[in-house]
Amino acid sequence: MSHAPSSAVERGVAAGCSVVLWLSTAVIFVILVANTVLRYATGSSLQWANEVPELLFPWLVMAGVVLASLQGAHIATTFLMDAAPPQVRRITGTASWLVVAGMYATLAVATFRMLEVVHDEKSPILQLPGSVTYVCVMVGMGVLALLALQSAWRTWSAPPAAPATDEVPVAHW
């Protein structure tokens, strides 16, 4: 799935994840800089300054994971699939994406079931429920399942690929 977002779903996911990524990074940076300046200038710090980055960091990570998945930037070993005939690649690729979608959906459902349990855990100072960070995992897994289903459809409905050349790809160091 190494392509620029082309569908409305992909563009929406990319935009949403980019906003979460930039906002969480900016807020974490500002809080950490302000707390560091306060420590050196006054010897004291903001009481809540450790909790907010801890709550935002999972959102930042999950947004990055979804964006990397959307852009096909995860590590993949493709030499076996590249050597297979087009019809085998199509069937195997579609089946693989469906398994991946099922696994992500299972993780999303399992996280949803845990929300009630972790909701009772409160952060010490802000008293925010623990479910705040679990929701980001649940949403991220759900979006990844949706993107995997879209990849399965794209793989199944793609026209047969042209035969591969005998050129050896150059490593991108």
N, C-alpha and C. Protein backbone atom coordinates (compact mmCIF):
# COMPACT_ATOMS: atom_id res chain seq x y z
N MET A 1 0.83 -1.18 0.00
CA MET A 1 0.00 0.00 0.00
C MET A 1 0.88 1.24 0.00
N SER A 2 1.89 1.26 -0.77
CA SER A 2 2.81 2.38 -0.83
C SER A 2 2.32 3.39 -1.84
N HIS A 3 1.45 4.25 -1.41
CA HIS A 3 0.90 5.25 -2.31
C HIS A 3 0.41 6.45 -1.51
N ALA A 4 0.18 7.53 -2.19
CA ALA A 4 -0.39 8.71 -1.54
C ALA A 4 -1.88 8.42 -1.30
N PRO A 5 -2.44 8.97 -0.23
CA PRO A 5 -3.86 8.76 0.03
C PRO A 5 -4.71 9.16 -1.17
N SER A 6 -5.53 8.21 -1.65
CA SER A 6 -6.29 8.50 -2.86
C SER A 6 -7.79 8.53 -2.62
N SER A 7 -8.29 7.76 -1.69
CA SER A 7 -9.73 7.76 -1.45
C SER A 7 -10.09 8.81 -0.41
N ALA A 8 -11.37 9.11 -0.33
CA ALA A 8 -11.83 10.09 0.67
C ALA A 8 -11.55 9.59 2.07
N VAL A 9 -11.69 8.29 2.30
CA VAL A 9 -11.40 7.72 3.62
C VAL A 9 -9.94 7.93 3.96
N GLU A 10 -9.06 7.61 3.02
CA GLU A 10 -7.62 7.76 3.27
C GLU A 10 -7.24 9.22 3.51
N ARG A 11 -7.81 10.12 2.73
CA ARG A 11 -7.51 11.54 2.92
C ARG A 11 -8.01 12.02 4.28
N GLY A 12 -9.19 11.57 4.67
CA GLY A 12 -9.73 11.95 5.98
C GLY A 12 -8.89 11.40 7.13
N VAL A 13 -8.49 10.14 7.01
CA VAL A 13 -7.63 9.52 8.03
C VAL A 13 -6.30 10.26 8.11
N ALA A 14 -5.70 10.54 6.95
CA ALA A 14 -4.41 11.25 6.92
C ALA A 14 -4.53 12.63 7.55
N ALA A 15 -5.59 13.34 7.23
CA ALA A 15 -5.78 14.69 7.80
C ALA A 15 -5.99 14.61 9.31
N GLY A 16 -6.84 13.70 9.75
CA GLY A 16 -7.10 13.57 11.18
C GLY A 16 -5.86 13.17 11.96
N CYS A 17 -5.12 12.21 11.43
CA CYS A 17 -3.89 11.77 12.11
C CYS A 17 -2.83 12.86 12.11
N SER A 18 -2.75 13.61 11.03
CA SER A 18 -1.78 14.72 10.98
C SER A 18 -2.10 15.78 12.02
N VAL A 19 -3.37 16.10 12.18
CA VAL A 19 -3.78 17.08 13.20
C VAL A 19 -3.43 16.57 14.59
N VAL A 20 -3.77 15.32 14.88
CA VAL A 20 -3.45 14.74 16.20
C VAL A 20 -1.95 14.73 16.41
N LEU A 21 -1.21 14.34 15.39
CA LEU A 21 0.26 14.28 15.50
C LEU A 21 0.86 15.64 15.80
N TRP A 22 0.48 16.64 15.03
CA TRP A 22 1.04 17.98 15.22
C TRP A 22 0.59 18.62 16.52
N LEU A 23 -0.69 18.50 16.85
CA LEU A 23 -1.18 19.10 18.10
C LEU A 23 -0.55 18.46 19.32
N SER A 24 -0.52 17.14 19.35
CA SER A 24 0.05 16.47 20.52
C SER A 24 1.54 16.78 20.65
N THR A 25 2.25 16.80 19.54
CA THR A 25 3.68 17.14 19.59
C THR A 25 3.89 18.56 20.09
N ALA A 26 3.10 19.49 19.57
CA ALA A 26 3.25 20.90 19.97
C ALA A 26 2.91 21.09 21.44
N VAL A 27 1.82 20.49 21.90
CA VAL A 27 1.42 20.64 23.30
C VAL A 27 2.46 20.01 24.23
N ILE A 28 2.93 18.82 23.89
CA ILE A 28 3.96 18.18 24.71
C ILE A 28 5.21 19.04 24.76
N PHE A 29 5.62 19.57 23.62
CA PHE A 29 6.83 20.41 23.56
C PHE A 29 6.67 21.67 24.42
N VAL A 30 5.55 22.36 24.26
CA VAL A 30 5.32 23.60 25.01
C VAL A 30 5.30 23.32 26.51
N ILE A 31 4.63 22.27 26.92
CA ILE A 31 4.54 21.95 28.35
C ILE A 31 5.92 21.60 28.91
N LEU A 32 6.67 20.78 28.19
CA LEU A 32 7.99 20.39 28.69
C LEU A 32 8.95 21.58 28.73
N VAL A 33 8.89 22.45 27.73
CA VAL A 33 9.75 23.64 27.74
C VAL A 33 9.35 24.57 28.89
N ALA A 34 8.06 24.83 29.04
CA ALA A 34 7.58 25.71 30.12
C ALA A 34 7.96 25.15 31.48
N ASN A 35 7.82 23.86 31.67
CA ASN A 35 8.15 23.25 32.96
C ASN A 35 9.66 23.32 33.23
N THR A 36 10.46 23.13 32.19
CA THR A 36 11.91 23.23 32.35
C THR A 36 12.32 24.65 32.70
N VAL A 37 11.75 25.63 32.01
CA VAL A 37 12.06 27.04 32.30
C VAL A 37 11.65 27.37 33.74
N LEU A 38 10.48 26.95 34.15
CA LEU A 38 10.03 27.20 35.52
C LEU A 38 10.96 26.56 36.55
N ARG A 39 11.41 25.36 36.28
CA ARG A 39 12.32 24.69 37.22
C ARG A 39 13.61 25.46 37.40
N TYR A 40 14.17 25.90 36.27
CA TYR A 40 15.44 26.63 36.36
C TYR A 40 15.26 28.05 36.86
N ALA A 41 14.17 28.68 36.54
CA ALA A 41 13.95 30.08 36.93
C ALA A 41 13.45 30.21 38.37
N THR A 42 12.56 29.33 38.78
CA THR A 42 11.94 29.49 40.11
C THR A 42 12.19 28.33 41.05
N GLY A 43 12.70 27.23 40.55
CA GLY A 43 12.92 26.06 41.40
C GLY A 43 11.66 25.23 41.62
N SER A 44 10.56 25.64 41.00
CA SER A 44 9.31 24.87 41.13
C SER A 44 8.85 24.47 39.73
N SER A 45 7.81 23.66 39.69
CA SER A 45 7.30 23.23 38.39
C SER A 45 5.79 23.11 38.46
N LEU A 46 5.20 22.97 37.29
CA LEU A 46 3.76 22.76 37.21
C LEU A 46 3.44 21.34 37.68
N GLN A 47 2.49 21.20 38.56
CA GLN A 47 2.16 19.89 39.11
C GLN A 47 1.65 18.93 38.04
N TRP A 48 0.91 19.44 37.11
CA TRP A 48 0.27 18.60 36.10
C TRP A 48 1.13 18.38 34.86
N ALA A 49 2.32 19.00 34.83
CA ALA A 49 3.14 19.00 33.62
C ALA A 49 3.66 17.61 33.24
N ASN A 50 3.69 16.68 34.15
CA ASN A 50 4.11 15.32 33.79
C ASN A 50 2.95 14.48 33.28
N GLU A 51 1.76 14.77 33.75
CA GLU A 51 0.60 13.96 33.37
C GLU A 51 0.13 14.21 31.94
N VAL A 52 0.11 15.44 31.52
CA VAL A 52 -0.41 15.75 30.18
C VAL A 52 0.42 15.09 29.08
N PRO A 53 1.76 15.18 29.10
CA PRO A 53 2.52 14.46 28.08
C PRO A 53 2.30 12.94 28.14
N GLU A 54 2.14 12.39 29.34
CA GLU A 54 1.87 10.96 29.46
C GLU A 54 0.53 10.60 28.82
N LEU A 55 -0.43 11.49 28.91
CA LEU A 55 -1.74 11.24 28.31
C LEU A 55 -1.73 11.47 26.79
N LEU A 56 -0.92 12.41 26.34
CA LEU A 56 -0.88 12.73 24.91
C LEU A 56 0.04 11.83 24.09
N PHE A 57 1.06 11.29 24.75
CA PHE A 57 2.05 10.49 24.01
C PHE A 57 1.42 9.30 23.28
N PRO A 58 0.51 8.53 23.90
CA PRO A 58 -0.11 7.43 23.15
C PRO A 58 -0.88 7.91 21.91
N TRP A 59 -1.49 9.08 21.99
CA TRP A 59 -2.20 9.63 20.83
C TRP A 59 -1.21 9.96 19.72
N LEU A 60 -0.07 10.54 20.10
CA LEU A 60 0.97 10.86 19.13
C LEU A 60 1.48 9.59 18.46
N VAL A 61 1.76 8.57 19.24
CA VAL A 61 2.28 7.31 18.69
C VAL A 61 1.25 6.65 17.77
N MET A 62 0.01 6.58 18.21
CA MET A 62 -1.01 5.90 17.41
C MET A 62 -1.26 6.65 16.11
N ALA A 63 -1.24 7.98 16.15
CA ALA A 63 -1.40 8.75 14.91
C ALA A 63 -0.25 8.45 13.95
N GLY A 64 0.96 8.34 14.49
CA GLY A 64 2.11 8.01 13.66
C GLY A 64 2.03 6.61 13.08
N VAL A 65 1.54 5.66 13.87
CA VAL A 65 1.40 4.28 13.38
C VAL A 65 0.39 4.23 12.23
N VAL A 66 -0.73 4.91 12.40
CA VAL A 66 -1.75 4.90 11.35
C VAL A 66 -1.23 5.59 10.09
N LEU A 67 -0.56 6.72 10.25
CA LEU A 67 0.00 7.40 9.07
C LEU A 67 1.05 6.53 8.37
N ALA A 68 1.89 5.86 9.14
CA ALA A 68 2.90 4.98 8.53
C ALA A 68 2.22 3.85 7.77
N SER A 69 1.16 3.30 8.34
CA SER A 69 0.43 2.24 7.66
C SER A 69 -0.22 2.76 6.38
N LEU A 70 -0.78 3.94 6.46
CA LEU A 70 -1.44 4.55 5.31
C LEU A 70 -0.45 4.78 4.17
N GLN A 71 0.77 5.12 4.50
CA GLN A 71 1.78 5.41 3.49
C GLN A 71 2.61 4.19 3.11
N GLY A 72 2.30 3.04 3.71
CA GLY A 72 3.06 1.83 3.41
C GLY A 72 4.49 1.91 3.90
N ALA A 73 4.72 2.61 5.00
CA ALA A 73 6.07 2.85 5.48
C ALA A 73 6.55 1.83 6.51
N HIS A 74 5.78 0.79 6.75
CA HIS A 74 6.23 -0.25 7.66
C HIS A 74 7.17 -1.21 6.93
N ILE A 75 7.97 -1.92 7.68
CA ILE A 75 8.91 -2.87 7.10
C ILE A 75 8.13 -4.04 6.51
N ALA A 76 8.52 -4.46 5.33
CA ALA A 76 7.87 -5.59 4.69
C ALA A 76 8.92 -6.42 3.95
N THR A 77 8.72 -7.73 3.97
CA THR A 77 9.56 -8.64 3.21
C THR A 77 8.71 -9.16 2.07
N THR A 78 9.06 -8.81 0.85
CA THR A 78 8.18 -9.10 -0.28
C THR A 78 8.79 -10.03 -1.33
N PHE A 79 10.00 -10.54 -1.10
CA PHE A 79 10.65 -11.29 -2.17
C PHE A 79 9.88 -12.56 -2.55
N LEU A 80 9.22 -13.22 -1.61
CA LEU A 80 8.44 -14.42 -1.96
C LEU A 80 7.21 -14.05 -2.80
N MET A 81 6.54 -13.00 -2.37
CA MET A 81 5.36 -12.56 -3.12
C MET A 81 5.75 -12.04 -4.50
N ASP A 82 6.88 -11.37 -4.59
CA ASP A 82 7.33 -10.86 -5.89
C ASP A 82 7.65 -11.99 -6.87
N ALA A 83 8.04 -13.14 -6.34
CA ALA A 83 8.39 -14.28 -7.19
C ALA A 83 7.16 -15.10 -7.59
N ALA A 84 6.04 -14.89 -6.94
CA ALA A 84 4.83 -15.68 -7.21
C ALA A 84 4.11 -15.16 -8.46
N PRO A 85 3.34 -16.03 -9.10
CA PRO A 85 2.54 -15.59 -10.25
C PRO A 85 1.48 -14.58 -9.80
N PRO A 86 1.01 -13.73 -10.71
CA PRO A 86 0.06 -12.68 -10.35
C PRO A 86 -1.20 -13.19 -9.64
N GLN A 87 -1.77 -14.30 -10.09
CA GLN A 87 -2.99 -14.79 -9.45
C GLN A 87 -2.73 -15.24 -8.01
N VAL A 88 -1.59 -15.85 -7.77
CA VAL A 88 -1.22 -16.26 -6.40
C VAL A 88 -1.01 -15.03 -5.53
N ARG A 89 -0.34 -14.02 -6.09
CA ARG A 89 -0.13 -12.76 -5.34
C ARG A 89 -1.47 -12.13 -4.98
N ARG A 90 -2.39 -12.16 -5.92
CA ARG A 90 -3.70 -11.55 -5.68
C ARG A 90 -4.44 -12.27 -4.56
N ILE A 91 -4.52 -13.57 -4.62
CA ILE A 91 -5.24 -14.35 -3.61
C ILE A 91 -4.54 -14.26 -2.25
N THR A 92 -3.23 -14.46 -2.25
CA THR A 92 -2.48 -14.42 -1.00
C THR A 92 -2.50 -13.02 -0.39
N GLY A 93 -2.33 -12.02 -1.23
CA GLY A 93 -2.35 -10.64 -0.72
C GLY A 93 -3.70 -10.29 -0.12
N THR A 94 -4.77 -10.65 -0.81
CA THR A 94 -6.11 -10.36 -0.29
C THR A 94 -6.36 -11.10 1.01
N ALA A 95 -6.01 -12.38 1.04
CA ALA A 95 -6.20 -13.16 2.27
C ALA A 95 -5.37 -12.59 3.42
N SER A 96 -4.15 -12.19 3.12
CA SER A 96 -3.29 -11.60 4.17
C SER A 96 -3.89 -10.32 4.72
N TRP A 97 -4.37 -9.45 3.84
CA TRP A 97 -4.98 -8.20 4.29
C TRP A 97 -6.23 -8.47 5.11
N LEU A 98 -7.00 -9.49 4.73
CA LEU A 98 -8.20 -9.82 5.51
C LEU A 98 -7.84 -10.34 6.90
N VAL A 99 -6.78 -11.14 7.00
CA VAL A 99 -6.31 -11.60 8.31
C VAL A 99 -5.84 -10.42 9.15
N VAL A 100 -5.09 -9.51 8.54
CA VAL A 100 -4.61 -8.32 9.25
C VAL A 100 -5.79 -7.48 9.73
N ALA A 101 -6.79 -7.29 8.87
CA ALA A 101 -7.98 -6.52 9.26
C ALA A 101 -8.68 -7.20 10.43
N GLY A 102 -8.80 -8.51 10.38
CA GLY A 102 -9.42 -9.24 11.48
C GLY A 102 -8.66 -9.10 12.78
N MET A 103 -7.35 -9.12 12.70
CA MET A 103 -6.54 -8.97 13.92
C MET A 103 -6.68 -7.56 14.50
N TYR A 104 -6.63 -6.56 13.64
CA TYR A 104 -6.82 -5.19 14.14
C TYR A 104 -8.22 -5.01 14.73
N ALA A 105 -9.22 -5.57 14.09
CA ALA A 105 -10.59 -5.47 14.61
C ALA A 105 -10.70 -6.18 15.96
N THR A 106 -10.05 -7.32 16.10
CA THR A 106 -10.05 -8.04 17.38
C THR A 106 -9.41 -7.20 18.47
N LEU A 107 -8.30 -6.56 18.15
CA LEU A 107 -7.64 -5.68 19.13
C LEU A 107 -8.53 -4.49 19.49
N ALA A 108 -9.23 -3.94 18.51
CA ALA A 108 -10.13 -2.81 18.79
C ALA A 108 -11.26 -3.25 19.73
N VAL A 109 -11.84 -4.42 19.47
CA VAL A 109 -12.93 -4.92 20.32
C VAL A 109 -12.41 -5.24 21.72
N ALA A 110 -11.25 -5.87 21.81
CA ALA A 110 -10.67 -6.19 23.12
C ALA A 110 -10.39 -4.91 23.92
N THR A 111 -9.90 -3.89 23.25
CA THR A 111 -9.65 -2.61 23.93
C THR A 111 -10.96 -1.99 24.37
N PHE A 112 -11.99 -2.06 23.54
CA PHE A 112 -13.30 -1.54 23.91
C PHE A 112 -13.82 -2.21 25.18
N ARG A 113 -13.62 -3.50 25.28
CA ARG A 113 -14.08 -4.24 26.46
C ARG A 113 -13.32 -3.87 27.72
N MET A 114 -12.10 -3.37 27.55
CA MET A 114 -11.29 -2.96 28.69
C MET A 114 -11.60 -1.54 29.16
N LEU A 115 -12.29 -0.76 28.35
CA LEU A 115 -12.52 0.64 28.68
C LEU A 115 -13.21 0.81 30.04
N GLU A 116 -14.19 -0.02 30.32
CA GLU A 116 -14.92 0.12 31.58
C GLU A 116 -14.00 -0.13 32.78
N VAL A 117 -13.10 -1.09 32.65
CA VAL A 117 -12.18 -1.41 33.74
C VAL A 117 -11.20 -0.26 33.98
N VAL A 118 -10.57 0.23 32.91
CA VAL A 118 -9.55 1.26 33.07
C VAL A 118 -10.14 2.65 33.28
N HIS A 119 -11.43 2.81 33.05
CA HIS A 119 -12.07 4.10 33.26
C HIS A 119 -12.03 4.51 34.74
N ASP A 120 -12.04 3.53 35.63
CA ASP A 120 -12.01 3.82 37.06
C ASP A 120 -10.64 4.27 37.56
N GLU A 121 -9.59 3.99 36.80
CA GLU A 121 -8.25 4.45 37.17
C GLU A 121 -8.14 5.93 36.81
N LYS A 122 -7.78 6.74 37.79
CA LYS A 122 -7.68 8.19 37.56
C LYS A 122 -6.23 8.63 37.66
N SER A 123 -5.88 9.63 36.86
CA SER A 123 -4.54 10.20 36.97
C SER A 123 -4.46 10.96 38.30
N PRO A 124 -3.30 10.97 38.93
CA PRO A 124 -3.18 11.52 40.28
C PRO A 124 -3.58 12.99 40.44
N ILE A 125 -3.20 13.83 39.52
CA ILE A 125 -3.43 15.26 39.69
C ILE A 125 -4.66 15.74 38.92
N LEU A 126 -4.73 15.42 37.63
CA LEU A 126 -5.85 15.90 36.81
C LEU A 126 -7.12 15.08 36.98
N GLN A 127 -6.99 13.90 37.59
CA GLN A 127 -8.13 13.01 37.81
C GLN A 127 -8.84 12.61 36.51
N LEU A 128 -8.06 12.49 35.43
CA LEU A 128 -8.62 12.04 34.16
C LEU A 128 -8.66 10.52 34.17
N PRO A 129 -9.70 9.92 33.60
CA PRO A 129 -9.79 8.46 33.59
C PRO A 129 -8.73 7.81 32.70
N GLY A 130 -8.32 6.61 33.07
CA GLY A 130 -7.34 5.86 32.30
C GLY A 130 -7.84 5.51 30.91
N SER A 131 -9.14 5.58 30.72
CA SER A 131 -9.71 5.24 29.41
C SER A 131 -9.33 6.24 28.33
N VAL A 132 -8.84 7.41 28.72
CA VAL A 132 -8.44 8.43 27.73
C VAL A 132 -7.36 7.88 26.81
N THR A 133 -6.38 7.18 27.37
CA THR A 133 -5.32 6.64 26.52
C THR A 133 -5.75 5.35 25.82
N TYR A 134 -6.65 4.60 26.44
CA TYR A 134 -7.12 3.36 25.80
C TYR A 134 -8.01 3.66 24.60
N VAL A 135 -8.73 4.76 24.64
CA VAL A 135 -9.58 5.12 23.51
C VAL A 135 -8.73 5.33 22.26
N CYS A 136 -7.56 5.93 22.42
CA CYS A 136 -6.71 6.16 21.24
C CYS A 136 -6.26 4.85 20.64
N VAL A 137 -5.97 3.85 21.47
CA VAL A 137 -5.59 2.54 20.94
C VAL A 137 -6.77 1.91 20.21
N MET A 138 -7.96 1.99 20.81
CA MET A 138 -9.15 1.42 20.19
C MET A 138 -9.45 2.08 18.84
N VAL A 139 -9.41 3.39 18.81
CA VAL A 139 -9.68 4.12 17.57
C VAL A 139 -8.60 3.80 16.52
N GLY A 140 -7.34 3.80 16.95
CA GLY A 140 -6.25 3.49 16.03
C GLY A 140 -6.38 2.11 15.43
N MET A 141 -6.71 1.12 16.25
CA MET A 141 -6.87 -0.25 15.75
C MET A 141 -8.07 -0.35 14.80
N GLY A 142 -9.13 0.37 15.12
CA GLY A 142 -10.30 0.38 14.23
C GLY A 142 -9.96 0.99 12.88
N VAL A 143 -9.22 2.09 12.90
CA VAL A 143 -8.83 2.74 11.64
C VAL A 143 -7.88 1.84 10.85
N LEU A 144 -6.95 1.19 11.56
CA LEU A 144 -6.04 0.27 10.87
C LEU A 144 -6.81 -0.91 10.26
N ALA A 145 -7.84 -1.39 10.94
CA ALA A 145 -8.68 -2.47 10.38
C ALA A 145 -9.37 -1.98 9.11
N LEU A 146 -9.90 -0.76 9.16
CA LEU A 146 -10.56 -0.19 7.99
C LEU A 146 -9.59 -0.05 6.82
N LEU A 147 -8.39 0.44 7.10
CA LEU A 147 -7.39 0.60 6.04
C LEU A 147 -6.95 -0.76 5.48
N ALA A 148 -6.86 -1.78 6.35
CA ALA A 148 -6.49 -3.12 5.88
C ALA A 148 -7.60 -3.70 4.99
N LEU A 149 -8.86 -3.46 5.36
CA LEU A 149 -9.96 -3.91 4.50
C LEU A 149 -9.91 -3.22 3.14
N GLN A 150 -9.60 -1.95 3.16
CA GLN A 150 -9.48 -1.21 1.90
C GLN A 150 -8.32 -1.75 1.08
N SER A 151 -7.22 -2.11 1.73
CA SER A 151 -6.08 -2.70 1.02
C SER A 151 -6.45 -4.06 0.45
N ALA A 152 -7.24 -4.84 1.21
CA ALA A 152 -7.69 -6.14 0.70
C ALA A 152 -8.53 -5.94 -0.56
N TRP A 153 -9.42 -4.98 -0.54
CA TRP A 153 -10.24 -4.71 -1.71
C TRP A 153 -9.38 -4.24 -2.89
N ARG A 154 -8.45 -3.36 -2.59
CA ARG A 154 -7.58 -2.83 -3.65
C ARG A 154 -6.74 -3.96 -4.25
N THR A 155 -6.25 -4.86 -3.41
CA THR A 155 -5.44 -5.99 -3.89
C THR A 155 -6.29 -6.93 -4.74
N TRP A 156 -7.52 -7.20 -4.30
CA TRP A 156 -8.39 -8.12 -5.04
C TRP A 156 -8.82 -7.55 -6.38
N SER A 157 -9.10 -6.25 -6.38
CA SER A 157 -9.66 -5.65 -7.60
C SER A 157 -8.61 -5.07 -8.54
N ALA A 158 -7.34 -5.13 -8.16
CA ALA A 158 -6.28 -4.57 -9.00
C ALA A 158 -6.08 -5.42 -10.25
N PRO A 159 -5.77 -4.77 -11.36
CA PRO A 159 -5.46 -5.55 -12.57
C PRO A 159 -4.15 -6.31 -12.37
N PRO A 160 -3.96 -7.39 -13.10
CA PRO A 160 -2.71 -8.16 -12.95
C PRO A 160 -1.50 -7.28 -13.22
N ALA A 161 -0.48 -7.47 -12.41
CA ALA A 161 0.74 -6.67 -12.54
C ALA A 161 1.56 -7.14 -13.73
N ALA A 162 2.31 -6.23 -14.27
CA ALA A 162 3.22 -6.56 -15.37
C ALA A 162 4.31 -7.48 -14.84
N PRO A 163 4.84 -8.33 -15.67
CA PRO A 163 5.92 -9.21 -15.20
C PRO A 163 7.10 -8.40 -14.67
N ALA A 164 7.69 -8.91 -13.60
CA ALA A 164 8.82 -8.21 -12.98
C ALA A 164 10.05 -8.32 -13.86
N THR A 165 10.87 -7.30 -13.82
CA THR A 165 12.13 -7.34 -14.57
C THR A 165 13.16 -8.07 -13.75
N ASP A 166 14.26 -8.43 -14.36
CA ASP A 166 15.31 -9.16 -13.66
C ASP A 166 16.28 -8.22 -12.95
N GLU A 167 15.98 -6.94 -12.91
CA GLU A 167 16.87 -5.99 -12.26
C GLU A 167 16.85 -6.20 -10.75
N VAL A 168 18.00 -6.08 -10.14
CA VAL A 168 18.10 -6.19 -8.69
C VAL A 168 17.87 -4.79 -8.12
N PRO A 169 16.89 -4.64 -7.19
CA PRO A 169 16.63 -3.31 -6.63
C PRO A 169 17.83 -2.81 -5.82
N VAL A 170 18.04 -1.52 -5.89
CA VAL A 170 19.13 -0.90 -5.15
C VAL A 170 18.66 -0.63 -3.72
N ALA A 171 19.52 -0.95 -2.75
CA ALA A 171 19.17 -0.70 -1.36
C ALA A 171 19.13 0.79 -1.10
N HIS A 172 18.16 1.21 -0.30
CA HIS A 172 18.01 2.63 0.05
C HIS A 172 18.60 2.86 1.42
N TRP A 173 19.87 3.12 1.46
CA TRP A 173 20.54 3.34 2.74
C TRP A 173 20.46 4.77 3.03
